[in-house]
Amino acid sequence: MTIFAILTPAENPQLGSDIARLFPENHFQVAPNQWLVAASGTTAKEVSDKLDITEGGKGKALIISVGNYYGRHSTDLWEWIKAKWDLKPNG
């Protein structure tokens, strides 16, 4: 699966609700305005379209496809990333 980072300049509760609804098993909220979303066979633009960011319906947001990662955070985050990163596109 591809992991996308979704970043907003301010808290956006509506976007957070939509992420949880549209990616129920494939999202992780890192901070009030930061999420990770895992999806197969899609692009950052398609994630933006699905969340109604492209046309401005959910305000400003940046979506980045994650190619590598490193840092210090909760064990839950590292386990989520590893589980999603290791999933095959159909599995």
PDB file of N, CA and C in Angstrom:
ATOM      1  N   MET A   1       0.838  -1.185   0.000  1.00  0.00           N
ATOM      2  CA  MET A   1       0.000   0.000   0.000  1.00  0.00           C
ATOM      3  C   MET A   1       0.877   1.240   0.000  1.00  0.00           C
ATOM      4  N   THR A   2       0.353   2.290  -0.548  1.00  0.00           N
ATOM      5  CA  THR A   2       1.026   3.581  -0.493  1.00  0.00           C
ATOM      6  C   THR A   2       0.507   4.335   0.721  1.00  0.00           C
ATOM      7  N   ILE A   3       1.415   4.948   1.444  1.00  0.00           N
ATOM      8  CA  ILE A   3       1.035   5.766   2.591  1.00  0.00           C
ATOM      9  C   ILE A   3       1.143   7.232   2.185  1.00  0.00           C
ATOM     10  N   PHE A   4       0.100   7.984   2.509  1.00  0.00           N
ATOM     11  CA  PHE A   4       0.056   9.412   2.212  1.00  0.00           C
ATOM     12  C   PHE A   4      -0.006  10.185   3.519  1.00  0.00           C
ATOM     13  N   ALA A   5       0.759  11.259   3.609  1.00  0.00           N
ATOM     14  CA  ALA A   5       0.654  12.192   4.729  1.00  0.00           C
ATOM     15  C   ALA A   5      -0.283  13.311   4.292  1.00  0.00           C
ATOM     16  N   ILE A   6      -1.255  13.621   5.126  1.00  0.00           N
ATOM     17  CA  ILE A   6      -2.193  14.707   4.856  1.00  0.00           C
ATOM     18  C   ILE A   6      -1.983  15.759   5.941  1.00  0.00           C
ATOM     19  N   LEU A   7      -1.612  16.959   5.510  1.00  0.00           N
ATOM     20  CA  LEU A   7      -1.263  18.037   6.432  1.00  0.00           C
ATOM     21  C   LEU A   7      -2.127  19.254   6.145  1.00  0.00           C
ATOM     22  N   THR A   8      -2.656  19.862   7.193  1.00  0.00           N
ATOM     23  CA  THR A   8      -3.442  21.084   7.045  1.00  0.00           C
ATOM     24  C   THR A   8      -2.808  22.181   7.899  1.00  0.00           C
ATOM     25  N   PRO A   9      -2.974  23.456   7.511  1.00  0.00           N
ATOM     26  CA  PRO A   9      -2.362  24.545   8.272  1.00  0.00           C
ATOM     27  C   PRO A   9      -3.048  24.809   9.615  1.00  0.00           C
ATOM     28  N   ALA A  10      -4.236  24.270   9.802  1.00  0.00           N
ATOM     29  CA  ALA A  10      -4.980  24.444  11.056  1.00  0.00           C
ATOM     30  C   ALA A  10      -5.852  23.211  11.264  1.00  0.00           C
ATOM     31  N   GLU A  11      -6.379  23.061  12.467  1.00  0.00           N
ATOM     32  CA  GLU A  11      -7.275  21.934  12.722  1.00  0.00           C
ATOM     33  C   GLU A  11      -8.446  21.978  11.749  1.00  0.00           C
ATOM     34  N   ASN A  12      -8.870  20.791  11.312  1.00  0.00           N
ATOM     35  CA  ASN A  12      -9.954  20.689  10.335  1.00  0.00           C
ATOM     36  C   ASN A  12     -10.810  19.472  10.705  1.00  0.00           C
ATOM     37  N   PRO A  13     -11.727  19.633  11.670  1.00  0.00           N
ATOM     38  CA  PRO A  13     -12.525  18.500  12.136  1.00  0.00           C
ATOM     39  C   PRO A  13     -13.330  17.810  11.031  1.00  0.00           C
ATOM     40  N   GLN A  14     -13.850  18.568  10.073  1.00  0.00           N
ATOM     41  CA  GLN A  14     -14.634  17.957   8.993  1.00  0.00           C
ATOM     42  C   GLN A  14     -13.762  17.049   8.137  1.00  0.00           C
ATOM     43  N   LEU A  15     -12.562  17.493   7.820  1.00  0.00           N
ATOM     44  CA  LEU A  15     -11.649  16.658   7.043  1.00  0.00           C
ATOM     45  C   LEU A  15     -11.292  15.405   7.834  1.00  0.00           C
ATOM     46  N   GLY A  16     -11.043  15.562   9.121  1.00  0.00           N
ATOM     47  CA  GLY A  16     -10.747  14.403   9.963  1.00  0.00           C
ATOM     48  C   GLY A  16     -11.878  13.391   9.961  1.00  0.00           C
ATOM     49  N   SER A  17     -13.112  13.864  10.030  1.00  0.00           N
ATOM     50  CA  SER A  17     -14.279  12.970   9.977  1.00  0.00           C
ATOM     51  C   SER A  17     -14.362  12.251   8.642  1.00  0.00           C
ATOM     52  N   ASP A  18     -14.091  12.982   7.561  1.00  0.00           N
ATOM     53  CA  ASP A  18     -14.141  12.370   6.230  1.00  0.00           C
ATOM     54  C   ASP A  18     -13.039  11.332   6.051  1.00  0.00           C
ATOM     55  N   ILE A  19     -11.855  11.610   6.560  1.00  0.00           N
ATOM     56  CA  ILE A  19     -10.764  10.632   6.483  1.00  0.00           C
ATOM     57  C   ILE A  19     -11.166   9.361   7.218  1.00  0.00           C
ATOM     58  N   ALA A  20     -11.719   9.500   8.417  1.00  0.00           N
ATOM     59  CA  ALA A  20     -12.143   8.332   9.195  1.00  0.00           C
ATOM     60  C   ALA A  20     -13.248   7.554   8.491  1.00  0.00           C
ATOM     61  N   ARG A  21     -14.157   8.263   7.834  1.00  0.00           N
ATOM     62  CA  ARG A  21     -15.275   7.605   7.144  1.00  0.00           C
ATOM     63  C   ARG A  21     -14.824   6.927   5.850  1.00  0.00           C
ATOM     64  N   LEU A  22     -13.969   7.588   5.077  1.00  0.00           N
ATOM     65  CA  LEU A  22     -13.574   7.071   3.765  1.00  0.00           C
ATOM     66  C   LEU A  22     -12.408   6.082   3.820  1.00  0.00           C
ATOM     67  N   PHE A  23     -11.625   6.131   4.885  1.00  0.00           N
ATOM     68  CA  PHE A  23     -10.490   5.217   5.065  1.00  0.00           C
ATOM     69  C   PHE A  23     -10.573   4.596   6.464  1.00  0.00           C
ATOM     70  N   PRO A  24     -11.664   3.900   6.779  1.00  0.00           N
ATOM     71  CA  PRO A  24     -11.920   3.472   8.159  1.00  0.00           C
ATOM     72  C   PRO A  24     -10.824   2.607   8.785  1.00  0.00           C
ATOM     73  N   GLU A  25     -10.230   1.725   8.031  1.00  0.00           N
ATOM     74  CA  GLU A  25      -9.189   0.842   8.559  1.00  0.00           C
ATOM     75  C   GLU A  25      -7.796   1.297   8.140  1.00  0.00           C
ATOM     76  N   ASN A  26      -7.720   2.384   7.403  1.00  0.00           N
ATOM     77  CA  ASN A  26      -6.454   2.770   6.791  1.00  0.00           C
ATOM     78  C   ASN A  26      -6.070   4.221   7.048  1.00  0.00           C
ATOM     79  N   HIS A  27      -6.303   4.694   8.272  1.00  0.00           N
ATOM     80  CA  HIS A  27      -5.867   6.046   8.623  1.00  0.00           C
ATOM     81  C   HIS A  27      -5.301   6.061  10.037  1.00  0.00           C
ATOM     82  N   PHE A  28      -4.444   7.015  10.275  1.00  0.00           N
ATOM     83  CA  PHE A  28      -3.855   7.206  11.599  1.00  0.00           C
ATOM     84  C   PHE A  28      -3.713   8.706  11.815  1.00  0.00           C
ATOM     85  N   GLN A  29      -4.316   9.220  12.872  1.00  0.00           N
ATOM     86  CA  GLN A  29      -4.186  10.646  13.163  1.00  0.00           C
ATOM     87  C   GLN A  29      -2.920  10.854  13.985  1.00  0.00           C
ATOM     88  N   VAL A  30      -1.976  11.576  13.403  1.00  0.00           N
ATOM     89  CA  VAL A  30      -0.689  11.832  14.036  1.00  0.00           C
ATOM     90  C   VAL A  30      -0.797  13.006  15.008  1.00  0.00           C
ATOM     91  N   ALA A  31      -1.544  14.035  14.625  1.00  0.00           N
ATOM     92  CA  ALA A  31      -1.751  15.250  15.422  1.00  0.00           C
ATOM     93  C   ALA A  31      -3.084  15.852  14.976  1.00  0.00           C
ATOM     94  N   PRO A  32      -3.571  16.901  15.648  1.00  0.00           N
ATOM     95  CA  PRO A  32      -4.878  17.457  15.274  1.00  0.00           C
ATOM     96  C   PRO A  32      -5.018  17.847  13.801  1.00  0.00           C
ATOM     97  N   ASN A  33      -3.939  18.155  13.133  1.00  0.00           N
ATOM     98  CA  ASN A  33      -4.032  18.542  11.721  1.00  0.00           C
ATOM     99  C   ASN A  33      -3.084  17.720  10.840  1.00  0.00           C
ATOM    100  N   GLN A  34      -2.813  16.484  11.264  1.00  0.00           N
ATOM    101  CA  GLN A  34      -1.911  15.604  10.516  1.00  0.00           C
ATOM    102  C   GLN A  34      -2.427  14.172  10.556  1.00  0.00           C
ATOM    103  N   TRP A  35      -2.551  13.578   9.372  1.00  0.00           N
ATOM    104  CA  TRP A  35      -3.008  12.201   9.271  1.00  0.00           C
ATOM    105  C   TRP A  35      -2.112  11.424   8.321  1.00  0.00           C
ATOM    106  N   LEU A  36      -2.075  10.113   8.515  1.00  0.00           N
ATOM    107  CA  LEU A  36      -1.525   9.197   7.527  1.00  0.00           C
ATOM    108  C   LEU A  36      -2.687   8.379   7.005  1.00  0.00           C
ATOM    109  N   VAL A  37      -2.696   8.146   5.698  1.00  0.00           N
ATOM    110  CA  VAL A  37      -3.727   7.342   5.047  1.00  0.00           C
ATOM    111  C   VAL A  37      -3.018   6.332   4.166  1.00  0.00           C
ATOM    112  N   ALA A  38      -3.459   5.086   4.199  1.00  0.00           N
ATOM    113  CA  ALA A  38      -2.905   4.047   3.333  1.00  0.00           C
ATOM    114  C   ALA A  38      -3.943   3.684   2.282  1.00  0.00           C
ATOM    115  N   ALA A  39      -3.498   3.603   1.034  1.00  0.00           N
ATOM    116  CA  ALA A  39      -4.403   3.260  -0.068  1.00  0.00           C
ATOM    117  C   ALA A  39      -3.602   2.562  -1.159  1.00  0.00           C
ATOM    118  N   SER A  40      -4.253   1.654  -1.857  1.00  0.00           N
ATOM    119  CA  SER A  40      -3.613   0.929  -2.954  1.00  0.00           C
ATOM    120  C   SER A  40      -4.040   1.497  -4.292  1.00  0.00           C
ATOM    121  N   GLY A  41      -3.109   1.510  -5.227  1.00  0.00           N
ATOM    122  CA  GLY A  41      -3.430   1.877  -6.602  1.00  0.00           C
ATOM    123  C   GLY A  41      -4.005   3.260  -6.770  1.00  0.00           C
ATOM    124  N   THR A  42      -3.506   4.219  -6.017  1.00  0.00           N
ATOM    125  CA  THR A  42      -4.027   5.577  -6.112  1.00  0.00           C
ATOM    126  C   THR A  42      -2.889   6.588  -6.023  1.00  0.00           C
ATOM    127  N   THR A  43      -3.202   7.810  -6.333  1.00  0.00           N
ATOM    128  CA  THR A  43      -2.220   8.896  -6.285  1.00  0.00           C
ATOM    129  C   THR A  43      -2.642   9.921  -5.237  1.00  0.00           C
ATOM    130  N   ALA A  44      -1.739  10.836  -4.935  1.00  0.00           N
ATOM    131  CA  ALA A  44      -2.069  11.919  -4.004  1.00  0.00           C
ATOM    132  C   ALA A  44      -3.242  12.743  -4.532  1.00  0.00           C
ATOM    133  N   LYS A  45      -3.272  12.981  -5.829  1.00  0.00           N
ATOM    134  CA  LYS A  45      -4.388  13.741  -6.436  1.00  0.00           C
ATOM    135  C   LYS A  45      -5.708  13.009  -6.245  1.00  0.00           C
ATOM    136  N   GLU A  46      -5.704  11.696  -6.435  1.00  0.00           N
ATOM    137  CA  GLU A  46      -6.942  10.927  -6.271  1.00  0.00           C
ATOM    138  C   GLU A  46      -7.410  10.930  -4.819  1.00  0.00           C
ATOM    139  N   VAL A  47      -6.482  10.878  -3.877  1.00  0.00           N
ATOM    140  CA  VAL A  47      -6.852  10.995  -2.462  1.00  0.00           C
ATOM    141  C   VAL A  47      -7.448  12.382  -2.213  1.00  0.00           C
ATOM    142  N   SER A  48      -6.832  13.406  -2.783  1.00  0.00           N
ATOM    143  CA  SER A  48      -7.349  14.773  -2.664  1.00  0.00           C
ATOM    144  C   SER A  48      -8.761  14.885  -3.229  1.00  0.00           C
ATOM    145  N   ASP A  49      -8.981  14.308  -4.401  1.00  0.00           N
ATOM    146  CA  ASP A  49     -10.317  14.326  -5.014  1.00  0.00           C
ATOM    147  C   ASP A  49     -11.336  13.624  -4.119  1.00  0.00           C
ATOM    148  N   LYS A  50     -10.968  12.454  -3.608  1.00  0.00           N
ATOM    149  CA  LYS A  50     -11.883  11.660  -2.779  1.00  0.00           C
ATOM    150  C   LYS A  50     -12.285  12.420  -1.512  1.00  0.00           C
ATOM    151  N   LEU A  51     -11.361  13.208  -0.979  1.00  0.00           N
ATOM    152  CA  LEU A  51     -11.619  13.963   0.252  1.00  0.00           C
ATOM    153  C   LEU A  51     -12.174  15.364  -0.003  1.00  0.00           C
ATOM    154  N   ASP A  52     -12.427  15.708  -1.266  1.00  0.00           N
ATOM    155  CA  ASP A  52     -12.958  17.022  -1.650  1.00  0.00           C
ATOM    156  C   ASP A  52     -12.018  18.164  -1.266  1.00  0.00           C
ATOM    157  N   ILE A  53     -10.718  17.890  -1.371  1.00  0.00           N
ATOM    158  CA  ILE A  53      -9.720  18.925  -1.125  1.00  0.00           C
ATOM    159  C   ILE A  53      -9.405  19.661  -2.424  1.00  0.00           C
ATOM    160  N   THR A  54      -9.360  18.936  -3.525  1.00  0.00           N
ATOM    161  CA  THR A  54      -8.946  19.487  -4.819  1.00  0.00           C
ATOM    162  C   THR A  54      -9.725  20.737  -5.196  1.00  0.00           C
ATOM    163  N   GLU A  55     -11.023  20.704  -5.027  1.00  0.00           N
ATOM    164  CA  GLU A  55     -11.875  21.842  -5.403  1.00  0.00           C
ATOM    165  C   GLU A  55     -12.062  22.839  -4.265  1.00  0.00           C
ATOM    166  N   GLY A  56     -11.393  22.614  -3.138  1.00  0.00           N
ATOM    167  CA  GLY A  56     -11.458  23.564  -2.031  1.00  0.00           C
ATOM    168  C   GLY A  56     -12.571  23.326  -1.040  1.00  0.00           C
ATOM    169  N   GLY A  57     -13.290  22.235  -1.182  1.00  0.00           N
ATOM    170  CA  GLY A  57     -14.420  21.959  -0.300  1.00  0.00           C
ATOM    171  C   GLY A  57     -14.049  21.720   1.154  1.00  0.00           C
ATOM    172  N   LYS A  58     -12.824  21.317   1.405  1.00  0.00           N
ATOM    173  CA  LYS A  58     -12.392  21.037   2.777  1.00  0.00           C
ATOM    174  C   LYS A  58     -11.274  21.966   3.233  1.00  0.00           C
ATOM    175  N   GLY A  59     -11.077  23.052   2.530  1.00  0.00           N
ATOM    176  CA  GLY A  59     -10.031  23.989   2.922  1.00  0.00           C
ATOM    177  C   GLY A  59      -8.672  23.573   2.384  1.00  0.00           C
ATOM    178  N   LYS A  60      -7.645  24.167   2.959  1.00  0.00           N
ATOM    179  CA  LYS A  60      -6.281  23.925   2.493  1.00  0.00           C
ATOM    180  C   LYS A  60      -5.719  22.641   3.087  1.00  0.00           C
ATOM    181  N   ALA A  61      -5.004  21.893   2.250  1.00  0.00           N
ATOM    182  CA  ALA A  61      -4.337  20.677   2.714  1.00  0.00           C
ATOM    183  C   ALA A  61      -3.248  20.308   1.724  1.00  0.00           C
ATOM    184  N   LEU A  62      -2.248  19.641   2.229  1.00  0.00           N
ATOM    185  CA  LEU A  62      -1.153  19.128   1.422  1.00  0.00           C
ATOM    186  C   LEU A  62      -1.146  17.619   1.577  1.00  0.00           C
ATOM    187  N   ILE A  63      -1.081  16.900   0.463  1.00  0.00           N
ATOM    188  CA  ILE A  63      -1.037  15.441   0.491  1.00  0.00           C
ATOM    189  C   ILE A  63       0.270  15.006  -0.148  1.00  0.00           C
ATOM    190  N   ILE A  64       1.037  14.210   0.578  1.00  0.00           N
ATOM    191  CA  ILE A  64       2.356  13.769   0.128  1.00  0.00           C
ATOM    192  C   ILE A  64       2.416  12.251   0.180  1.00  0.00           C
ATOM    193  N   SER A  65       2.884  11.637  -0.880  1.00  0.00           N
ATOM    194  CA  SER A  65       3.138  10.203  -0.893  1.00  0.00           C
ATOM    195  C   SER A  65       4.438   9.954  -0.129  1.00  0.00           C
ATOM    196  N   VAL A  66       4.394   9.056   0.843  1.00  0.00           N
ATOM    197  CA  VAL A  66       5.550   8.791   1.696  1.00  0.00           C
ATOM    198  C   VAL A  66       6.449   7.748   1.026  1.00  0.00           C
ATOM    199  N   GLY A  67       7.720   8.090   0.852  1.00  0.00           N
ATOM    200  CA  GLY A  67       8.665   7.173   0.228  1.00  0.00           C
ATOM    201  C   GLY A  67       9.660   6.586   1.209  1.00  0.00           C
ATOM    202  N   ASN A  68       9.795   7.202   2.362  1.00  0.00           N
ATOM    203  CA  ASN A  68      10.738   6.769   3.371  1.00  0.00           C
ATOM    204  C   ASN A  68      10.306   7.423   4.675  1.00  0.00           C
ATOM    205  N   TYR A  69      10.729   6.877   5.789  1.00  0.00           N
ATOM    206  CA  TYR A  69      10.345   7.486   7.062  1.00  0.00           C
ATOM    207  C   TYR A  69      11.388   7.211   8.133  1.00  0.00           C
ATOM    208  N   TYR A  70      11.436   8.093   9.109  1.00  0.00           N
ATOM    209  CA  TYR A  70      12.331   7.941  10.241  1.00  0.00           C
ATOM    210  C   TYR A  70      11.920   8.969  11.285  1.00  0.00           C
ATOM    211  N   GLY A  71      12.170   8.700  12.521  1.00  0.00           N
ATOM    212  CA  GLY A  71      11.885   9.673  13.554  1.00  0.00           C
ATOM    213  C   GLY A  71      11.593   9.018  14.886  1.00  0.00           C
ATOM    214  N   ARG A  72      10.977   9.780  15.755  1.00  0.00           N
ATOM    215  CA  ARG A  72      10.628   9.297  17.088  1.00  0.00           C
ATOM    216  C   ARG A  72       9.156   9.608  17.325  1.00  0.00           C
ATOM    217  N   HIS A  73       8.398   8.576  17.646  1.00  0.00           N
ATOM    218  CA  HIS A  73       6.970   8.756  17.900  1.00  0.00           C
ATOM    219  C   HIS A  73       6.477   7.553  18.690  1.00  0.00           C
ATOM    220  N   SER A  74       5.178   7.454  18.867  1.00  0.00           N
ATOM    221  CA  SER A  74       4.583   6.367  19.641  1.00  0.00           C
ATOM    222  C   SER A  74       4.757   5.018  18.942  1.00  0.00           C
ATOM    223  N   THR A  75       4.791   3.972  19.735  1.00  0.00           N
ATOM    224  CA  THR A  75       4.877   2.613  19.194  1.00  0.00           C
ATOM    225  C   THR A  75       3.693   2.329  18.284  1.00  0.00           C
ATOM    226  N   ASP A  76       2.517   2.835  18.645  1.00  0.00           N
ATOM    227  CA  ASP A  76       1.324   2.620  17.812  1.00  0.00           C
ATOM    228  C   ASP A  76       1.533   3.126  16.390  1.00  0.00           C
ATOM    229  N   LEU A  77       2.156   4.283  16.244  1.00  0.00           N
ATOM    230  CA  LEU A  77       2.396   4.835  14.911  1.00  0.00           C
ATOM    231  C   LEU A  77       3.345   3.947  14.125  1.00  0.00           C
ATOM    232  N   TRP A  78       4.453   3.543  14.732  1.00  0.00           N
ATOM    233  CA  TRP A  78       5.424   2.704  14.011  1.00  0.00           C
ATOM    234  C   TRP A  78       4.801   1.376  13.605  1.00  0.00           C
ATOM    235  N   GLU A  79       3.994   0.795  14.475  1.00  0.00           N
ATOM    236  CA  GLU A  79       3.332  -0.474  14.139  1.00  0.00           C
ATOM    237  C   GLU A  79       2.334  -0.285  13.003  1.00  0.00           C
ATOM    238  N   TRP A  80       1.581   0.821  13.014  1.00  0.00           N
ATOM    239  CA  TRP A  80       0.622   1.095  11.939  1.00  0.00           C
ATOM    240  C   TRP A  80       1.359   1.240  10.613  1.00  0.00           C
ATOM    241  N   ILE A  81       2.434   2.039  10.594  1.00  0.00           N
ATOM    242  CA  ILE A  81       3.193   2.227   9.354  1.00  0.00           C
ATOM    243  C   ILE A  81       3.726   0.894   8.852  1.00  0.00           C
ATOM    244  N   LYS A  82       4.328   0.107   9.720  1.00  0.00           N
ATOM    245  CA  LYS A  82       4.893  -1.178   9.294  1.00  0.00           C
ATOM    246  C   LYS A  82       3.812  -2.084   8.732  1.00  0.00           C
ATOM    247  N   ALA A  83       2.669  -2.155   9.397  1.00  0.00           N
ATOM    248  CA  ALA A  83       1.577  -3.022   8.925  1.00  0.00           C
ATOM    249  C   ALA A  83       1.082  -2.586   7.550  1.00  0.00           C
ATOM    250  N   LYS A  84       0.905  -1.300   7.347  1.00  0.00           N
ATOM    251  CA  LYS A  84       0.391  -0.809   6.059  1.00  0.00           C
ATOM    252  C   LYS A  84       1.460  -0.882   4.974  1.00  0.00           C
ATOM    253  N   TRP A  85       2.698  -0.581   5.318  1.00  0.00           N
ATOM    254  CA  TRP A  85       3.797  -0.586   4.360  1.00  0.00           C
ATOM    255  C   TRP A  85       4.022  -1.995   3.813  1.00  0.00           C
ATOM    256  N   ASP A  86       3.863  -3.000   4.681  1.00  0.00           N
ATOM    257  CA  ASP A  86       4.128  -4.385   4.290  1.00  0.00           C
ATOM    258  C   ASP A  86       2.979  -5.046   3.547  1.00  0.00           C
ATOM    259  N   LEU A  87       1.791  -4.423   3.529  1.00  0.00           N
ATOM    260  CA  LEU A  87       0.641  -5.025   2.848  1.00  0.00           C
ATOM    261  C   LEU A  87       0.830  -5.023   1.340  1.00  0.00           C
ATOM    262  N   LYS A  88       0.490  -6.109   0.739  1.00  0.00           N
ATOM    263  CA  LYS A  88       0.475  -6.180  -0.723  1.00  0.00           C
ATOM    264  C   LYS A  88      -0.748  -5.408  -1.217  1.00  0.00           C
ATOM    265  N   PRO A  89      -0.751  -4.922  -2.456  1.00  0.00           N
ATOM    266  CA  PRO A  89      -1.888  -4.142  -2.967  1.00  0.00           C
ATOM    267  C   PRO A  89      -3.240  -4.814  -2.807  1.00  0.00           C
ATOM    268  N   ASN A  90      -3.314  -6.123  -2.886  1.00  0.00           N
ATOM    269  CA  ASN A  90      -4.597  -6.815  -2.757  1.00  0.00           C
ATOM    270  C   ASN A  90      -4.763  -7.464  -1.391  1.00  0.00           C
ATOM    271  N   GLY A  91      -3.929  -7.136  -0.440  1.00  0.00           N
ATOM    272  CA  GLY A  91      -4.024  -7.861   0.798  1.00  0.00           C
ATOM    273  C   GLY A  91      -3.931  -7.072   2.006  1.00  0.00           C
TER     274      GLY A  91
END
